[in-house]
PDB file of N, CA and C in Angstrom:
ATOM      1  N   UNK A   1       1.038  -1.312   0.057  1.00  0.00           N
ATOM      2  CA  UNK A   1      -0.027   0.405  -0.011  1.00  0.00           C
ATOM      3  C   UNK A   1       1.016   1.182  -0.128  1.00  0.00           C
ATOM      4  N   UNK A   2       0.302   2.039  -0.755  1.00  0.00           N
ATOM      5  CA  UNK A   2       1.296   3.201  -0.743  1.00  0.00           C
ATOM      6  C   UNK A   2       0.774   4.304   0.146  1.00  0.00           C
ATOM      7  N   UNK A   3       1.884   5.129   0.832  1.00  0.00           N
ATOM      8  CA  UNK A   3       1.882   5.651   2.007  1.00  0.00           C
ATOM      9  C   UNK A   3       1.666   7.363   1.029  1.00  0.00           C
ATOM     10  N   UNK A   4       0.608   8.224   1.745  1.00  0.00           N
ATOM     11  CA  UNK A   4       0.850   9.577   0.728  1.00  0.00           C
ATOM     12  C   UNK A   4       1.774  10.387   1.518  1.00  0.00           C
ATOM     13  N   UNK A   5       2.433  11.412   1.436  1.00  0.00           N
ATOM     14  CA  UNK A   5       3.035  12.886   2.011  1.00  0.00           C
ATOM     15  C   UNK A   5       2.468  13.446   2.521  1.00  0.00           C
ATOM     16  N   UNK A   6       1.169  14.065   1.661  1.00  0.00           N
ATOM     17  CA  UNK A   6       0.441  15.019   2.522  1.00  0.00           C
ATOM     18  C   UNK A   6       1.257  16.494   2.020  1.00  0.00           C
ATOM     19  N   UNK A   7       2.175  16.360   1.270  1.00  0.00           N
ATOM     20  CA  UNK A   7       3.131  17.684   1.140  1.00  0.00           C
ATOM     21  C   UNK A   7       2.137  18.964   0.313  1.00  0.00           C
ATOM     22  N   UNK A   8       1.267  18.326  -0.839  1.00  0.00           N
ATOM     23  CA  UNK A   8       0.923  19.479  -1.296  1.00  0.00           C
ATOM     24  C   UNK A   8      -0.350  19.713  -0.337  1.00  0.00           C
ATOM     25  N   UNK A   9      -0.760  19.305   0.309  1.00  0.00           N
ATOM     26  CA  UNK A   9      -1.762  19.409   1.468  1.00  0.00           C
ATOM     27  C   UNK A   9      -1.381  20.582   2.462  1.00  0.00           C
ATOM     28  N   UNK A  10      -0.082  20.047   2.898  1.00  0.00           N
ATOM     29  CA  UNK A  10       0.578  20.876   4.175  1.00  0.00           C
ATOM     30  C   UNK A  10       1.221  22.281   3.263  1.00  0.00           C
ATOM     31  N   UNK A  11       1.775  21.989   1.978  1.00  0.00           N
ATOM     32  CA  UNK A  11       2.234  23.083   1.549  1.00  0.00           C
ATOM     33  C   UNK A  11       0.649  23.936   1.384  1.00  0.00           C
ATOM     34  N   UNK A  12      -0.234  23.858   0.832  1.00  0.00           N
ATOM     35  CA  UNK A  12      -1.522  24.800   0.665  1.00  0.00           C
ATOM     36  C   UNK A  12      -1.968  25.249   1.713  1.00  0.00           C
ATOM     37  N   UNK A  13      -1.927  24.695   3.241  1.00  0.00           N
ATOM     38  CA  UNK A  13      -2.193  24.749   4.663  1.00  0.00           C
ATOM     39  C   UNK A  13      -1.312  26.032   5.205  1.00  0.00           C
ATOM     40  N   UNK A  14       0.090  25.919   5.118  1.00  0.00           N
ATOM     41  CA  UNK A  14       1.356  26.574   5.023  1.00  0.00           C
ATOM     42  C   UNK A  14       0.781  27.720   4.612  1.00  0.00           C
ATOM     43  N   UNK A  15       0.663  28.385   3.191  1.00  0.00           N
ATOM     44  CA  UNK A  15       0.671  29.267   2.516  1.00  0.00           C
ATOM     45  C   UNK A  15      -0.919  29.935   2.820  1.00  0.00           C
ATOM     46  N   UNK A  16      -1.699  29.365   3.180  1.00  0.00           N
ATOM     47  CA  UNK A  16      -3.189  30.117   3.172  1.00  0.00           C
ATOM     48  C   UNK A  16      -2.854  30.800   5.026  1.00  0.00           C
ATOM     49  N   UNK A  17      -2.214  29.796   6.101  1.00  0.00           N
ATOM     50  CA  UNK A  17      -2.023  30.473   6.791  1.00  0.00           C
ATOM     51  C   UNK A  17      -1.257  31.485   7.136  1.00  0.00           C
ATOM     52  N   UNK A  18      -0.049  31.471   6.378  1.00  0.00           N
ATOM     53  CA  UNK A  18       1.169  32.930   6.309  1.00  0.00           C
ATOM     54  C   UNK A  18       0.595  33.806   5.989  1.00  0.00           C
ATOM     55  N   UNK A  19      -0.458  33.922   4.702  1.00  0.00           N
ATOM     56  CA  UNK A  19      -1.155  34.944   3.905  1.00  0.00           C
ATOM     57  C   UNK A  19      -2.427  35.570   5.038  1.00  0.00           C
ATOM     58  N   UNK A  20      -3.012  34.917   5.862  1.00  0.00           N
ATOM     59  CA  UNK A  20      -3.782  35.302   6.944  1.00  0.00           C
ATOM     60  C   UNK A  20      -3.530  36.076   7.761  1.00  0.00           C
ATOM     61  N   UNK A  21      -2.104  35.404   8.531  1.00  0.00           N
ATOM     62  CA  UNK A  21      -1.476  35.851   9.680  1.00  0.00           C
ATOM     63  C   UNK A  21      -0.924  37.220   9.556  1.00  0.00           C
ATOM     64  N   UNK A  22      -0.494  37.125   8.117  1.00  0.00           N
ATOM     65  CA  UNK A  22       0.278  38.636   7.474  1.00  0.00           C
ATOM     66  C   UNK A  22      -0.911  39.682   7.604  1.00  0.00           C
ATOM     67  N   UNK A  23      -2.079  39.467   6.668  1.00  0.00           N
ATOM     68  CA  UNK A  23      -2.967  40.623   6.834  1.00  0.00           C
ATOM     69  C   UNK A  23      -3.835  40.632   7.905  1.00  0.00           C
ATOM     70  N   UNK A  24      -3.821  39.955   9.114  1.00  0.00           N
ATOM     71  CA  UNK A  24      -4.176  39.667  10.287  1.00  0.00           C
ATOM     72  C   UNK A  24      -3.471  40.938  11.042  1.00  0.00           C
ATOM     73  N   UNK A  25      -1.926  40.627  10.903  1.00  0.00           N
ATOM     74  CA  UNK A  25      -1.094  41.498  11.568  1.00  0.00           C
ATOM     75  C   UNK A  25      -1.236  43.024  11.215  1.00  0.00           C
ATOM     76  N   UNK A  26      -0.801  43.347   9.680  1.00  0.00           N
ATOM     77  CA  UNK A  26      -1.270  44.241   9.203  1.00  0.00           C
ATOM     78  C   UNK A  26      -2.374  45.523   9.287  1.00  0.00           C
ATOM     79  N   UNK A  27      -3.434  44.224   9.994  1.00  0.00           N
ATOM     80  CA  UNK A  27      -4.741  45.066  10.024  1.00  0.00           C
ATOM     81  C   UNK A  27      -4.684  45.849  11.240  1.00  0.00           C
ATOM     82  N   UNK A  28      -4.778  44.677  12.606  1.00  0.00           N
ATOM     83  CA  UNK A  28      -4.424  44.768  13.800  1.00  0.00           C
ATOM     84  C   UNK A  28      -3.849  43.943  14.553  1.00  0.00           C
ATOM     85  N   UNK A  29      -2.423  44.485  14.808  1.00  0.00           N
ATOM     86  CA  UNK A  29      -1.147  43.752  15.022  1.00  0.00           C
ATOM     87  C   UNK A  29      -1.692  43.086  16.448  1.00  0.00           C
ATOM     88  N   UNK A  30      -2.259  43.493  17.853  1.00  0.00           N
ATOM     89  CA  UNK A  30      -1.995  43.263  18.601  1.00  0.00           C
ATOM     90  C   UNK A  30      -3.213  42.573  18.969  1.00  0.00           C
ATOM     91  N   UNK A  31      -4.518  42.378  18.257  1.00  0.00           N
ATOM     92  CA  UNK A  31      -5.349  40.934  18.087  1.00  0.00           C
ATOM     93  C   UNK A  31      -4.709  40.059  17.804  1.00  0.00           C
ATOM     94  N   UNK A  32      -4.177  40.480  16.178  1.00  0.00           N
ATOM     95  CA  UNK A  32      -3.703  38.767  15.787  1.00  0.00           C
ATOM     96  C   UNK A  32      -2.532  38.461  16.602  1.00  0.00           C
ATOM     97  N   UNK A  33      -1.462  39.201  17.191  1.00  0.00           N
ATOM     98  CA  UNK A  33      -0.508  38.598  17.823  1.00  0.00           C
ATOM     99  C   UNK A  33      -1.233  37.377  18.733  1.00  0.00           C
ATOM    100  N   UNK A  34      -2.443  38.134  19.653  1.00  0.00           N
ATOM    101  CA  UNK A  34      -2.918  37.037  20.421  1.00  0.00           C
ATOM    102  C   UNK A  34      -3.761  35.957  20.049  1.00  0.00           C
ATOM    103  N   UNK A  35      -4.384  36.461  18.858  1.00  0.00           N
ATOM    104  CA  UNK A  35      -5.406  35.297  18.534  1.00  0.00           C
ATOM    105  C   UNK A  35      -4.468  34.284  17.501  1.00  0.00           C
ATOM    106  N   UNK A  36      -3.072  34.400  17.591  1.00  0.00           N
ATOM    107  CA  UNK A  36      -2.002  33.230  16.729  1.00  0.00           C
ATOM    108  C   UNK A  36      -1.519  33.218  17.874  1.00  0.00           C
ATOM    109  N   UNK A  37      -1.325  33.746  18.406  1.00  0.00           N
ATOM    110  CA  UNK A  37      -0.490  33.068  19.636  1.00  0.00           C
ATOM    111  C   UNK A  37       1.390  33.475  19.679  1.00  0.00           C
ATOM    112  N   UNK A  38       1.482  34.323  18.912  1.00  0.00           N
ATOM    113  CA  UNK A  38       2.991  35.002  18.545  1.00  0.00           C
ATOM    114  C   UNK A  38       3.352  36.315  19.310  1.00  0.00           C
ATOM    115  N   UNK A  39       4.428  36.098  19.691  1.00  0.00           N
ATOM    116  CA  UNK A  39       5.179  37.177  20.166  1.00  0.00           C
ATOM    117  C   UNK A  39       5.954  38.388  18.784  1.00  0.00           C
ATOM    118  N   UNK A  40       6.446  39.625  19.486  1.00  0.00           N
ATOM    119  CA  UNK A  40       6.423  40.413  18.672  1.00  0.00           C
ATOM    120  C   UNK A  40       7.669  40.275  17.753  1.00  0.00           C
ATOM    121  N   UNK A  41       8.908  39.170  17.667  1.00  0.00           N
ATOM    122  CA  UNK A  41       9.779  38.665  17.020  1.00  0.00           C
ATOM    123  C   UNK A  41       8.979  38.397  15.928  1.00  0.00           C
ATOM    124  N   UNK A  42       8.275  37.321  16.333  1.00  0.00           N
ATOM    125  CA  UNK A  42       7.739  36.342  15.125  1.00  0.00           C
ATOM    126  C   UNK A  42       6.523  37.448  13.982  1.00  0.00           C
ATOM    127  N   UNK A  43       5.931  38.002  15.104  1.00  0.00           N
ATOM    128  CA  UNK A  43       5.071  38.986  14.065  1.00  0.00           C
ATOM    129  C   UNK A  43       5.534  40.181  13.241  1.00  0.00           C
ATOM    130  N   UNK A  44       6.674  40.326  13.734  1.00  0.00           N
ATOM    131  CA  UNK A  44       7.637  41.381  12.745  1.00  0.00           C
ATOM    132  C   UNK A  44       8.415  40.333  11.277  1.00  0.00           C
ATOM    133  N   UNK A  45       8.707  39.444  11.802  1.00  0.00           N
ATOM    134  CA  UNK A  45       9.417  38.622  10.776  1.00  0.00           C
ATOM    135  C   UNK A  45       8.162  38.157   9.403  1.00  0.00           C
ATOM    136  N   UNK A  46       6.736  37.598  10.322  1.00  0.00           N
ATOM    137  CA  UNK A  46       5.833  37.179   9.096  1.00  0.00           C
ATOM    138  C   UNK A  46       5.219  38.451   8.713  1.00  0.00           C
ATOM    139  N   UNK A  47       5.016  39.745   9.031  1.00  0.00           N
ATOM    140  CA  UNK A  47       4.086  41.378   8.481  1.00  0.00           C
ATOM    141  C   UNK A  47       5.158  41.750   7.778  1.00  0.00           C
ATOM    142  N   UNK A  48       6.518  41.543   7.626  1.00  0.00           N
ATOM    143  CA  UNK A  48       7.488  42.198   6.851  1.00  0.00           C
ATOM    144  C   UNK A  48       7.836  41.226   5.595  1.00  0.00           C
ATOM    145  N   UNK A  49       7.158  40.304   5.626  1.00  0.00           N
ATOM    146  CA  UNK A  49       8.024  39.152   4.360  1.00  0.00           C
ATOM    147  C   UNK A  49       7.302  39.378   3.259  1.00  0.00           C
ATOM    148  N   UNK A  50       7.998  39.327   2.195  1.00  0.00           N
ATOM    149  CA  UNK A  50       7.379  39.333   0.543  1.00  0.00           C
ATOM    150  C   UNK A  50       6.566  37.890   0.245  1.00  0.00           C
ATOM    151  N   UNK A  51       6.045  38.170  -1.057  1.00  0.00           N
ATOM    152  CA  UNK A  51       5.346  37.189  -1.026  1.00  0.00           C
ATOM    153  C   UNK A  51       6.055  36.121  -1.826  1.00  0.00           C
ATOM    154  N   UNK A  52       7.201  36.107  -2.263  1.00  0.00           N
ATOM    155  CA  UNK A  52       8.221  35.300  -2.792  1.00  0.00           C
ATOM    156  C   UNK A  52       8.458  34.368  -1.575  1.00  0.00           C
ATOM    157  N   UNK A  53       8.952  35.156  -0.221  1.00  0.00           N
ATOM    158  CA  UNK A  53       9.185  34.548   0.891  1.00  0.00           C
ATOM    159  C   UNK A  53       8.134  33.646   1.391  1.00  0.00           C
ATOM    160  N   UNK A  54       7.005  34.130   1.594  1.00  0.00           N
ATOM    161  CA  UNK A  54       5.453  33.354   2.090  1.00  0.00           C
ATOM    162  C   UNK A  54       6.115  31.767   1.386  1.00  0.00           C
ATOM    163  N   UNK A  55       5.842  32.127   0.071  1.00  0.00           N
ATOM    164  CA  UNK A  55       5.586  30.681  -0.524  1.00  0.00           C
ATOM    165  C   UNK A  55       6.799  29.828  -0.224  1.00  0.00           C
ATOM    166  N   UNK A  56       7.970  30.741  -0.398  1.00  0.00           N
ATOM    167  CA  UNK A  56       9.234  29.719  -0.100  1.00  0.00           C
ATOM    168  C   UNK A  56       8.938  29.210   1.564  1.00  0.00           C
ATOM    169  N   UNK A  57       8.567  29.614   2.438  1.00  0.00           N
ATOM    170  CA  UNK A  57       8.662  29.244   3.725  1.00  0.00           C
ATOM    171  C   UNK A  57       7.339  28.282   3.915  1.00  0.00           C
ATOM    172  N   UNK A  58       6.144  28.291   2.638  1.00  0.00           N
ATOM    173  CA  UNK A  58       4.966  27.674   3.156  1.00  0.00           C
ATOM    174  C   UNK A  58       5.183  26.318   2.249  1.00  0.00           C
ATOM    175  N   UNK A  59       6.333  26.098   1.786  1.00  0.00           N
ATOM    176  CA  UNK A  59       6.881  24.765   0.856  1.00  0.00           C
ATOM    177  C   UNK A  59       8.118  23.833   2.250  1.00  0.00           C
ATOM    178  N   UNK A  60       8.045  24.467   3.209  1.00  0.00           N
ATOM    179  CA  UNK A  60       8.843  23.473   4.071  1.00  0.00           C
ATOM    180  C   UNK A  60       8.074  22.412   4.113  1.00  0.00           C
ATOM    181  N   UNK A  61       8.250  21.087   4.793  1.00  0.00           N
ATOM    182  CA  UNK A  61       7.591  19.992   4.904  1.00  0.00           C
ATOM    183  C   UNK A  61       7.341  19.522   6.084  1.00  0.00           C
ATOM    184  N   UNK A  62       7.118  20.502   7.189  1.00  0.00           N
ATOM    185  CA  UNK A  62       6.502  20.621   8.226  1.00  0.00           C
ATOM    186  C   UNK A  62       5.404  21.842   8.327  1.00  0.00           C
ATOM    187  N   UNK A  63       4.157  21.276   9.480  1.00  0.00           N
ATOM    188  CA  UNK A  63       3.208  22.195   9.337  1.00  0.00           C
ATOM    189  C   UNK A  63       3.501  23.757  10.266  1.00  0.00           C
ATOM    190  N   UNK A  64       2.782  24.792   9.800  1.00  0.00           N
ATOM    191  CA  UNK A  64       3.887  25.917  10.028  1.00  0.00           C
ATOM    192  C   UNK A  64       2.784  26.185  11.491  1.00  0.00           C
ATOM    193  N   UNK A  65       1.207  26.316  11.075  1.00  0.00           N
ATOM    194  CA  UNK A  65       0.903  26.561  12.388  1.00  0.00           C
ATOM    195  C   UNK A  65       0.311  25.457  13.055  1.00  0.00           C
ATOM    196  N   UNK A  66       0.287  26.093  14.490  1.00  0.00           N
ATOM    197  CA  UNK A  66       0.306  24.758  15.415  1.00  0.00           C
ATOM    198  C   UNK A  66      -0.898  25.021  16.484  1.00  0.00           C
ATOM    199  N   UNK A  67      -1.359  24.311  17.347  1.00  0.00           N
ATOM    200  CA  UNK A  67      -2.297  24.276  18.217  1.00  0.00           C
ATOM    201  C   UNK A  67      -2.069  25.021  19.562  1.00  0.00           C
ATOM    202  N   UNK A  68      -2.673  26.042  20.059  1.00  0.00           N
ATOM    203  CA  UNK A  68      -1.962  26.545  21.152  1.00  0.00           C
ATOM    204  C   UNK A  68      -2.293  25.925  22.558  1.00  0.00           C
ATOM    205  N   UNK A  69      -2.945  24.955  22.369  1.00  0.00           N
ATOM    206  CA  UNK A  69      -3.454  23.872  23.540  1.00  0.00           C
ATOM    207  C   UNK A  69      -2.791  22.597  22.964  1.00  0.00           C
ATOM    208  N   UNK A  70      -2.750  21.763  24.085  1.00  0.00           N
ATOM    209  CA  UNK A  70      -2.566  20.517  23.963  1.00  0.00           C
ATOM    210  C   UNK A  70      -2.892  19.366  25.550  1.00  0.00           C
ATOM    211  N   UNK A  71      -4.034  20.471  25.844  1.00  0.00           N
ATOM    212  CA  UNK A  71      -4.691  19.310  26.829  1.00  0.00           C
ATOM    213  C   UNK A  71      -6.416  18.884  26.540  1.00  0.00           C
ATOM    214  N   UNK A  72      -6.768  17.510  27.038  1.00  0.00           N
ATOM    215  CA  UNK A  72      -7.994  17.139  26.620  1.00  0.00           C
ATOM    216  C   UNK A  72      -9.562  18.542  27.161  1.00  0.00           C
ATOM    217  N   UNK A  73      -9.316  19.102  27.785  1.00  0.00           N
ATOM    218  CA  UNK A  73     -10.258  19.672  28.835  1.00  0.00           C
ATOM    219  C   UNK A  73     -10.416  21.036  27.503  1.00  0.00           C
ATOM    220  N   UNK A  74      -9.174  21.567  27.220  1.00  0.00           N
ATOM    221  CA  UNK A  74      -9.625  23.058  26.272  1.00  0.00           C
ATOM    222  C   UNK A  74      -9.821  22.333  24.612  1.00  0.00           C
ATOM    223  N   UNK A  75      -9.632  21.273  24.549  1.00  0.00           N
ATOM    224  CA  UNK A  75     -10.183  20.845  23.029  1.00  0.00           C
ATOM    225  C   UNK A  75     -12.185  20.323  23.355  1.00  0.00           C
ATOM    226  N   UNK A  76     -12.078  19.642  24.725  1.00  0.00           N
ATOM    227  CA  UNK A  76     -13.535  19.415  24.810  1.00  0.00           C
ATOM    228  C   UNK A  76     -14.042  20.926  25.085  1.00  0.00           C
ATOM    229  N   UNK A  77     -13.849  22.013  25.941  1.00  0.00           N
ATOM    230  CA  UNK A  77     -14.645  23.143  25.856  1.00  0.00           C
ATOM    231  C   UNK A  77     -14.418  23.710  24.220  1.00  0.00           C
ATOM    232  N   UNK A  78     -13.416  23.929  23.238  1.00  0.00           N
ATOM    233  CA  UNK A  78     -13.716  24.328  22.129  1.00  0.00           C
ATOM    234  C   UNK A  78     -14.686  23.408  21.357  1.00  0.00           C
ATOM    235  N   UNK A  79     -15.202  22.299  21.299  1.00  0.00           N
ATOM    236  CA  UNK A  79     -15.898  21.545  20.653  1.00  0.00           C
ATOM    237  C   UNK A  79     -17.344  21.437  21.144  1.00  0.00           C
ATOM    238  N   UNK A  80     -17.616  22.413  21.895  1.00  0.00           N
ATOM    239  CA  UNK A  80     -18.724  22.498  22.862  1.00  0.00           C
ATOM    240  C   UNK A  80     -19.282  21.321  23.624  1.00  0.00           C
ATOM    241  N   UNK A  81     -18.082  20.504  24.584  1.00  0.00           N
ATOM    242  CA  UNK A  81     -18.950  19.438  25.514  1.00  0.00           C
ATOM    243  C   UNK A  81     -19.075  20.351  26.471  1.00  0.00           C
ATOM    244  N   UNK A  82     -20.002  19.794  27.365  1.00  0.00           N
ATOM    245  CA  UNK A  82     -20.264  20.565  28.496  1.00  0.00           C
ATOM    246  C   UNK A  82     -21.702  20.720  28.540  1.00  0.00           C
ATOM    247  N   UNK A  83     -22.169  21.263  29.612  1.00  0.00           N
ATOM    248  CA  UNK A  83     -23.548  21.521  29.823  1.00  0.00           C
ATOM    249  C   UNK A  83     -23.726  22.759  29.204  1.00  0.00           C
ATOM    250  N   UNK A  84     -23.665  23.595  29.164  1.00  0.00           N
ATOM    251  CA  UNK A  84     -23.682  25.094  28.613  1.00  0.00           C
ATOM    252  C   UNK A  84     -22.882  25.217  27.199  1.00  0.00           C
ATOM    253  N   UNK A  85     -23.139  24.939  25.656  1.00  0.00           N
ATOM    254  CA  UNK A  85     -21.798  25.535  25.174  1.00  0.00           C
ATOM    255  C   UNK A  85     -21.748  26.964  24.875  1.00  0.00           C
ATOM    256  N   UNK A  86     -22.308  28.089  25.493  1.00  0.00           N
ATOM    257  CA  UNK A  86     -21.969  29.746  25.669  1.00  0.00           C
ATOM    258  C   UNK A  86     -21.203  29.292  26.557  1.00  0.00           C
ATOM    259  N   UNK A  87     -21.189  29.077  27.731  1.00  0.00           N
ATOM    260  CA  UNK A  87     -20.285  29.392  28.528  1.00  0.00           C
ATOM    261  C   UNK A  87     -18.664  28.422  28.347  1.00  0.00           C
ATOM    262  N   UNK A  88     -19.030  27.114  27.865  1.00  0.00           N
ATOM    263  CA  UNK A  88     -18.028  26.558  27.900  1.00  0.00           C
ATOM    264  C   UNK A  88     -16.836  27.153  26.405  1.00  0.00           C
ATOM    265  N   UNK A  89     -17.710  28.231  25.481  1.00  0.00           N
ATOM    266  CA  UNK A  89     -16.626  28.776  24.853  1.00  0.00           C
ATOM    267  C   UNK A  89     -15.848  29.690  25.478  1.00  0.00           C
ATOM    268  N   UNK A  90     -16.562  30.165  26.551  1.00  0.00           N
ATOM    269  CA  UNK A  90     -16.144  31.224  27.109  1.00  0.00           C
ATOM    270  C   UNK A  90     -15.114  31.016  28.522  1.00  0.00           C
ATOM    271  N   UNK A  91     -15.082  29.952  28.587  1.00  0.00           N
ATOM    272  CA  UNK A  91     -14.172  29.088  29.681  1.00  0.00           C
ATOM    273  C   UNK A  91     -13.128  28.844  28.627  1.00  0.00           C
ATOM    274  N   UNK A  92     -13.217  28.440  27.611  1.00  0.00           N
ATOM    275  CA  UNK A  92     -12.099  27.941  26.727  1.00  0.00           C
ATOM    276  C   UNK A  92     -11.062  29.343  26.549  1.00  0.00           C
ATOM    277  N   UNK A  93     -11.764  30.442  26.029  1.00  0.00           N
ATOM    278  CA  UNK A  93     -11.197  31.291  25.728  1.00  0.00           C
ATOM    279  C   UNK A  93     -10.027  31.804  27.098  1.00  0.00           C
ATOM    280  N   UNK A  94     -10.992  31.680  28.188  1.00  0.00           N
ATOM    281  CA  UNK A  94     -10.217  31.977  29.249  1.00  0.00           C
ATOM    282  C   UNK A  94      -8.934  31.113  29.821  1.00  0.00           C
ATOM    283  N   UNK A  95      -9.134  29.887  28.947  1.00  0.00           N
ATOM    284  CA  UNK A  95      -8.099  29.001  29.255  1.00  0.00           C
ATOM    285  C   UNK A  95      -6.786  29.418  28.341  1.00  0.00           C
ATOM    286  N   UNK A  96      -7.137  29.986  27.108  1.00  0.00           N
ATOM    287  CA  UNK A  96      -6.320  29.763  26.317  1.00  0.00           C
ATOM    288  C   UNK A  96      -5.528  30.966  26.163  1.00  0.00           C
ATOM    289  N   UNK A  97      -6.038  31.998  26.987  1.00  0.00           N
ATOM    290  CA  UNK A  97      -5.454  33.326  26.800  1.00  0.00           C
ATOM    291  C   UNK A  97      -4.757  33.002  28.001  1.00  0.00           C
ATOM    292  N   UNK A  98      -4.593  32.206  28.919  1.00  0.00           N
ATOM    293  CA  UNK A  98      -3.367  32.026  29.917  1.00  0.00           C
ATOM    294  C   UNK A  98      -2.725  31.239  29.401  1.00  0.00           C
ATOM    295  N   UNK A  99      -2.565  30.967  28.514  1.00  0.00           N
ATOM    296  CA  UNK A  99      -1.489  30.068  27.987  1.00  0.00           C
ATOM    297  C   UNK A  99      -0.175  30.733  27.637  1.00  0.00           C
ATOM    298  N   UNK A 100       1.275  30.489  27.281  1.00  0.00           N
ATOM    299  CA  UNK A 100       2.397  31.928  27.146  1.00  0.00           C
ATOM    300  C   UNK A 100       2.314  31.824  25.534  1.00  0.00           C
ATOM    301  N   UNK A 101       2.746  33.037  25.293  1.00  0.00           N
ATOM    302  CA  UNK A 101       2.775  33.446  23.834  1.00  0.00           C
ATOM    303  C   UNK A 101       4.476  32.465  23.335  1.00  0.00           C
ATOM    304  N   UNK A 102       4.113  32.028  22.092  1.00  0.00           N
ATOM    305  CA  UNK A 102       5.489  31.704  21.732  1.00  0.00           C
ATOM    306  C   UNK A 102       6.062  32.343  20.954  1.00  0.00           C
ATOM    307  N   UNK A 103       7.485  32.457  21.086  1.00  0.00           N
ATOM    308  CA  UNK A 103       8.368  33.276  20.643  1.00  0.00           C
ATOM    309  C   UNK A 103       9.407  32.599  19.622  1.00  0.00           C
TER     310      UNK A 103
END
């Protein structure tokens, strides 16, 4: 059985993420940094990249976007598990906001 490497899908995801991140950073830097979970140095690099550099970076063999969480509680809250989906979403936002920013 042939194993897929998903390289094309990873490239497409990376490019979409980088383009969205760059647009978000240019429109509202502080909010974008919070939503993306990145610090000043990474924000400066992404917002200042040319289209050519974005495409080159997107072609890397690893996925560039990463989840800001790695615990089952947060995943459950974000997916609406719990008694009240509205409060679960708010609780998830509070937990996510307390996670450290990646530099």
